[in-house]
Amino acid sequence: MTIWLASLLPYLLLLSLLVALLLIPTLRSLRKEAQQMPVNPFAGTPFENLFQTLQSRAAPRPLVDVTPPHRKLIRAFWLWRQQQRP
């Protein structure tokens, strides 16, 4: 059974790569759709005014840099490389 399972591994990896590539446009459209949604989750309900009041009283959230470390390293390398060029 182990040899049979090991022989299927390349096909399973290719299939998962294909599925991942097919999911890219779907996830992009889902992200755009989520960004277009209203910020107030209680819109159209009796709690809408309460939510707006609480949201206006709350302190603004500080921006957090969520760039992955490898992207920061690549960006720093490219900036350094551009500075080295005459």
N, C-alpha and C. Protein backbone atom coordinates (compact mmCIF):
# COMPACT_ATOMS: atom_id res chain seq x y z
N MET A 1 0.82 -1.19 0.00
CA MET A 1 0.00 0.00 0.00
C MET A 1 0.87 1.26 0.00
N THR A 2 2.02 1.23 0.63
CA THR A 2 2.89 2.40 0.70
C THR A 2 3.43 2.75 -0.67
N ILE A 3 3.82 1.77 -1.45
CA ILE A 3 4.35 2.03 -2.79
C ILE A 3 3.25 2.59 -3.68
N TRP A 4 2.05 2.06 -3.55
CA TRP A 4 0.93 2.55 -4.34
C TRP A 4 0.65 4.02 -4.01
N LEU A 5 0.70 4.35 -2.72
CA LEU A 5 0.46 5.73 -2.29
C LEU A 5 1.58 6.64 -2.77
N ALA A 6 2.81 6.18 -2.72
CA ALA A 6 3.95 6.99 -3.17
C ALA A 6 3.89 7.22 -4.68
N SER A 7 3.36 6.28 -5.42
CA SER A 7 3.26 6.47 -6.87
C SER A 7 2.16 7.48 -7.23
N LEU A 8 1.19 7.69 -6.36
CA LEU A 8 0.14 8.67 -6.60
C LEU A 8 0.56 10.09 -6.22
N LEU A 9 1.60 10.23 -5.43
CA LEU A 9 1.99 11.54 -4.91
C LEU A 9 2.26 12.58 -6.00
N PRO A 10 2.99 12.28 -7.06
CA PRO A 10 3.19 13.32 -8.10
C PRO A 10 1.89 13.79 -8.73
N TYR A 11 0.96 12.88 -8.95
CA TYR A 11 -0.32 13.26 -9.55
C TYR A 11 -1.15 14.12 -8.60
N LEU A 12 -1.10 13.77 -7.32
CA LEU A 12 -1.82 14.56 -6.34
C LEU A 12 -1.23 15.96 -6.22
N LEU A 13 0.09 16.07 -6.30
CA LEU A 13 0.73 17.39 -6.24
C LEU A 13 0.36 18.24 -7.46
N LEU A 14 0.34 17.64 -8.63
CA LEU A 14 -0.05 18.38 -9.83
C LEU A 14 -1.52 18.80 -9.77
N LEU A 15 -2.35 17.93 -9.27
CA LEU A 15 -3.76 18.25 -9.14
C LEU A 15 -3.97 19.39 -8.15
N SER A 16 -3.25 19.37 -7.04
CA SER A 16 -3.39 20.45 -6.07
C SER A 16 -2.86 21.76 -6.63
N LEU A 17 -1.81 21.73 -7.44
CA LEU A 17 -1.31 22.94 -8.08
C LEU A 17 -2.35 23.50 -9.04
N LEU A 18 -2.99 22.64 -9.80
CA LEU A 18 -4.02 23.07 -10.74
C LEU A 18 -5.21 23.69 -9.99
N VAL A 19 -5.63 23.07 -8.92
CA VAL A 19 -6.74 23.61 -8.13
C VAL A 19 -6.36 24.96 -7.53
N ALA A 20 -5.14 25.09 -7.04
CA ALA A 20 -4.70 26.36 -6.47
C ALA A 20 -4.69 27.45 -7.53
N LEU A 21 -4.24 27.14 -8.72
CA LEU A 21 -4.23 28.14 -9.80
C LEU A 21 -5.64 28.53 -10.22
N LEU A 22 -6.55 27.58 -10.19
CA LEU A 22 -7.93 27.89 -10.54
C LEU A 22 -8.63 28.72 -9.46
N LEU A 23 -8.15 28.65 -8.23
CA LEU A 23 -8.76 29.41 -7.14
C LEU A 23 -8.34 30.88 -7.11
N ILE A 24 -7.26 31.23 -7.79
CA ILE A 24 -6.76 32.61 -7.73
C ILE A 24 -7.80 33.62 -8.20
N PRO A 25 -8.42 33.47 -9.38
CA PRO A 25 -9.42 34.47 -9.78
C PRO A 25 -10.63 34.50 -8.86
N THR A 26 -11.01 33.35 -8.34
CA THR A 26 -12.15 33.29 -7.43
C THR A 26 -11.86 34.07 -6.16
N LEU A 27 -10.68 33.88 -5.61
CA LEU A 27 -10.33 34.58 -4.37
C LEU A 27 -10.16 36.08 -4.61
N ARG A 28 -9.67 36.47 -5.78
CA ARG A 28 -9.56 37.90 -6.09
C ARG A 28 -10.94 38.55 -6.15
N SER A 29 -11.87 37.90 -6.81
CA SER A 29 -13.22 38.48 -6.90
C SER A 29 -13.88 38.49 -5.52
N LEU A 30 -13.61 37.49 -4.71
CA LEU A 30 -14.16 37.46 -3.36
C LEU A 30 -13.59 38.60 -2.52
N ARG A 31 -12.30 38.90 -2.68
CA ARG A 31 -11.69 40.01 -1.95
C ARG A 31 -12.29 41.34 -2.38
N LYS A 32 -12.48 41.54 -3.70
CA LYS A 32 -13.08 42.78 -4.18
C LYS A 32 -14.50 42.93 -3.63
N GLU A 33 -15.23 41.85 -3.61
CA GLU A 33 -16.60 41.87 -3.11
C GLU A 33 -16.63 42.21 -1.62
N ALA A 34 -15.69 41.67 -0.86
CA ALA A 34 -15.63 41.95 0.57
C ALA A 34 -15.24 43.40 0.83
N GLN A 35 -14.38 43.96 -0.02
CA GLN A 35 -13.98 45.35 0.17
C GLN A 35 -15.10 46.31 -0.18
N GLN A 36 -16.03 45.91 -1.02
CA GLN A 36 -17.14 46.77 -1.40
C GLN A 36 -18.29 46.71 -0.40
N MET A 37 -18.23 45.77 0.52
CA MET A 37 -19.29 45.65 1.52
C MET A 37 -19.27 46.85 2.45
N PRO A 38 -20.42 47.23 2.99
CA PRO A 38 -20.43 48.35 3.92
C PRO A 38 -19.66 48.00 5.19
N VAL A 39 -19.11 49.03 5.82
CA VAL A 39 -18.33 48.82 7.03
C VAL A 39 -19.23 48.46 8.20
N ASN A 40 -20.45 48.94 8.17
CA ASN A 40 -21.38 48.69 9.25
C ASN A 40 -22.07 47.34 9.05
N PRO A 41 -21.76 46.34 9.90
CA PRO A 41 -22.40 45.04 9.73
C PRO A 41 -23.86 45.04 10.16
N PHE A 42 -24.30 46.10 10.86
CA PHE A 42 -25.67 46.19 11.34
C PHE A 42 -26.53 47.09 10.46
N ALA A 43 -26.09 47.36 9.24
CA ALA A 43 -26.85 48.24 8.35
C ALA A 43 -28.23 47.65 8.10
N GLY A 44 -29.26 48.46 8.28
CA GLY A 44 -30.63 48.02 8.05
C GLY A 44 -31.26 47.33 9.24
N THR A 45 -30.58 47.34 10.39
CA THR A 45 -31.14 46.71 11.58
C THR A 45 -31.36 47.78 12.65
N PRO A 46 -32.06 47.46 13.72
CA PRO A 46 -32.27 48.45 14.78
C PRO A 46 -30.97 48.86 15.50
N PHE A 47 -29.90 48.07 15.35
CA PHE A 47 -28.64 48.36 16.03
C PHE A 47 -27.73 49.25 15.21
N GLU A 48 -28.17 49.72 14.06
CA GLU A 48 -27.32 50.51 13.17
C GLU A 48 -26.84 51.80 13.85
N ASN A 49 -27.76 52.54 14.48
CA ASN A 49 -27.38 53.80 15.14
C ASN A 49 -26.44 53.55 16.32
N LEU A 50 -26.68 52.49 17.07
CA LEU A 50 -25.81 52.16 18.19
C LEU A 50 -24.39 51.86 17.69
N PHE A 51 -24.28 51.09 16.63
CA PHE A 51 -22.97 50.76 16.09
C PHE A 51 -22.25 52.01 15.60
N GLN A 52 -22.94 52.90 14.91
CA GLN A 52 -22.32 54.13 14.43
C GLN A 52 -21.85 55.00 15.59
N THR A 53 -22.63 55.05 16.65
CA THR A 53 -22.24 55.84 17.82
C THR A 53 -20.98 55.26 18.46
N LEU A 54 -20.95 53.95 18.65
CA LEU A 54 -19.78 53.32 19.25
C LEU A 54 -18.56 53.45 18.37
N GLN A 55 -18.77 53.36 17.07
CA GLN A 55 -17.65 53.46 16.15
C GLN A 55 -17.09 54.89 16.13
N SER A 56 -17.93 55.88 16.24
CA SER A 56 -17.45 57.26 16.23
C SER A 56 -16.71 57.60 17.52
N ARG A 57 -17.05 56.97 18.63
CA ARG A 57 -16.38 57.21 19.91
C ARG A 57 -15.05 56.48 20.02
N ALA A 58 -14.90 55.40 19.29
CA ALA A 58 -13.70 54.58 19.42
C ALA A 58 -12.49 55.31 18.84
N ALA A 59 -11.34 55.03 19.43
CA ALA A 59 -10.10 55.63 18.94
C ALA A 59 -9.73 54.97 17.61
N PRO A 60 -9.16 55.75 16.70
CA PRO A 60 -8.77 55.14 15.42
C PRO A 60 -7.65 54.13 15.62
N ARG A 61 -7.72 53.07 14.87
CA ARG A 61 -6.71 52.02 14.99
C ARG A 61 -5.42 52.47 14.31
N PRO A 62 -4.28 52.21 14.92
CA PRO A 62 -3.02 52.54 14.24
C PRO A 62 -2.77 51.58 13.09
N LEU A 63 -2.14 52.08 12.05
CA LEU A 63 -1.83 51.23 10.91
C LEU A 63 -0.73 50.25 11.30
N VAL A 64 -0.88 49.02 10.88
CA VAL A 64 0.09 47.98 11.17
C VAL A 64 0.65 47.47 9.86
N ASP A 65 1.96 47.42 9.77
CA ASP A 65 2.61 46.90 8.57
C ASP A 65 2.55 45.38 8.61
N VAL A 66 1.81 44.78 7.71
CA VAL A 66 1.66 43.33 7.69
C VAL A 66 2.44 42.69 6.54
N THR A 67 3.42 43.41 6.02
CA THR A 67 4.25 42.88 4.95
C THR A 67 5.06 41.71 5.49
N PRO A 68 5.05 40.58 4.80
CA PRO A 68 5.84 39.43 5.27
C PRO A 68 7.33 39.76 5.28
N PRO A 69 8.08 39.14 6.19
CA PRO A 69 9.50 39.45 6.31
C PRO A 69 10.30 39.23 5.02
N HIS A 70 9.95 38.19 4.26
CA HIS A 70 10.73 37.95 3.04
C HIS A 70 10.49 39.07 2.01
N ARG A 71 9.29 39.65 1.98
CA ARG A 71 9.03 40.78 1.08
C ARG A 71 9.81 42.02 1.52
N LYS A 72 9.90 42.25 2.83
CA LYS A 72 10.68 43.37 3.34
C LYS A 72 12.15 43.22 2.96
N LEU A 73 12.65 41.99 3.07
CA LEU A 73 14.04 41.72 2.74
C LEU A 73 14.29 41.94 1.25
N ILE A 74 13.38 41.48 0.40
CA ILE A 74 13.52 41.68 -1.04
C ILE A 74 13.48 43.16 -1.38
N ARG A 75 12.56 43.91 -0.77
CA ARG A 75 12.45 45.34 -1.02
C ARG A 75 13.72 46.07 -0.57
N ALA A 76 14.24 45.71 0.60
CA ALA A 76 15.47 46.34 1.09
C ALA A 76 16.64 46.04 0.17
N PHE A 77 16.69 44.80 -0.35
CA PHE A 77 17.77 44.45 -1.28
C PHE A 77 17.67 45.27 -2.55
N TRP A 78 16.48 45.42 -3.13
CA TRP A 78 16.32 46.17 -4.37
C TRP A 78 16.62 47.66 -4.16
N LEU A 79 16.22 48.20 -3.03
CA LEU A 79 16.55 49.60 -2.74
C LEU A 79 18.06 49.78 -2.60
N TRP A 80 18.72 48.83 -1.93
CA TRP A 80 20.18 48.89 -1.79
C TRP A 80 20.85 48.79 -3.15
N ARG A 81 20.32 47.89 -3.99
CA ARG A 81 20.91 47.70 -5.32
C ARG A 81 20.75 48.95 -6.19
N GLN A 82 19.60 49.63 -6.08
CA GLN A 82 19.41 50.85 -6.84
C GLN A 82 20.33 51.95 -6.38
N GLN A 83 20.63 52.00 -5.11
CA GLN A 83 21.55 53.01 -4.59
C GLN A 83 22.98 52.74 -5.03
N GLN A 84 23.32 51.48 -5.28
CA GLN A 84 24.68 51.13 -5.68
C GLN A 84 24.95 51.49 -7.14
N ARG A 85 23.91 51.58 -7.94
CA ARG A 85 24.09 51.93 -9.35
C ARG A 85 24.41 53.42 -9.48
N PRO A 86 25.28 53.75 -10.42
CA PRO A 86 25.63 55.18 -10.59
C PRO A 86 24.54 55.99 -11.23
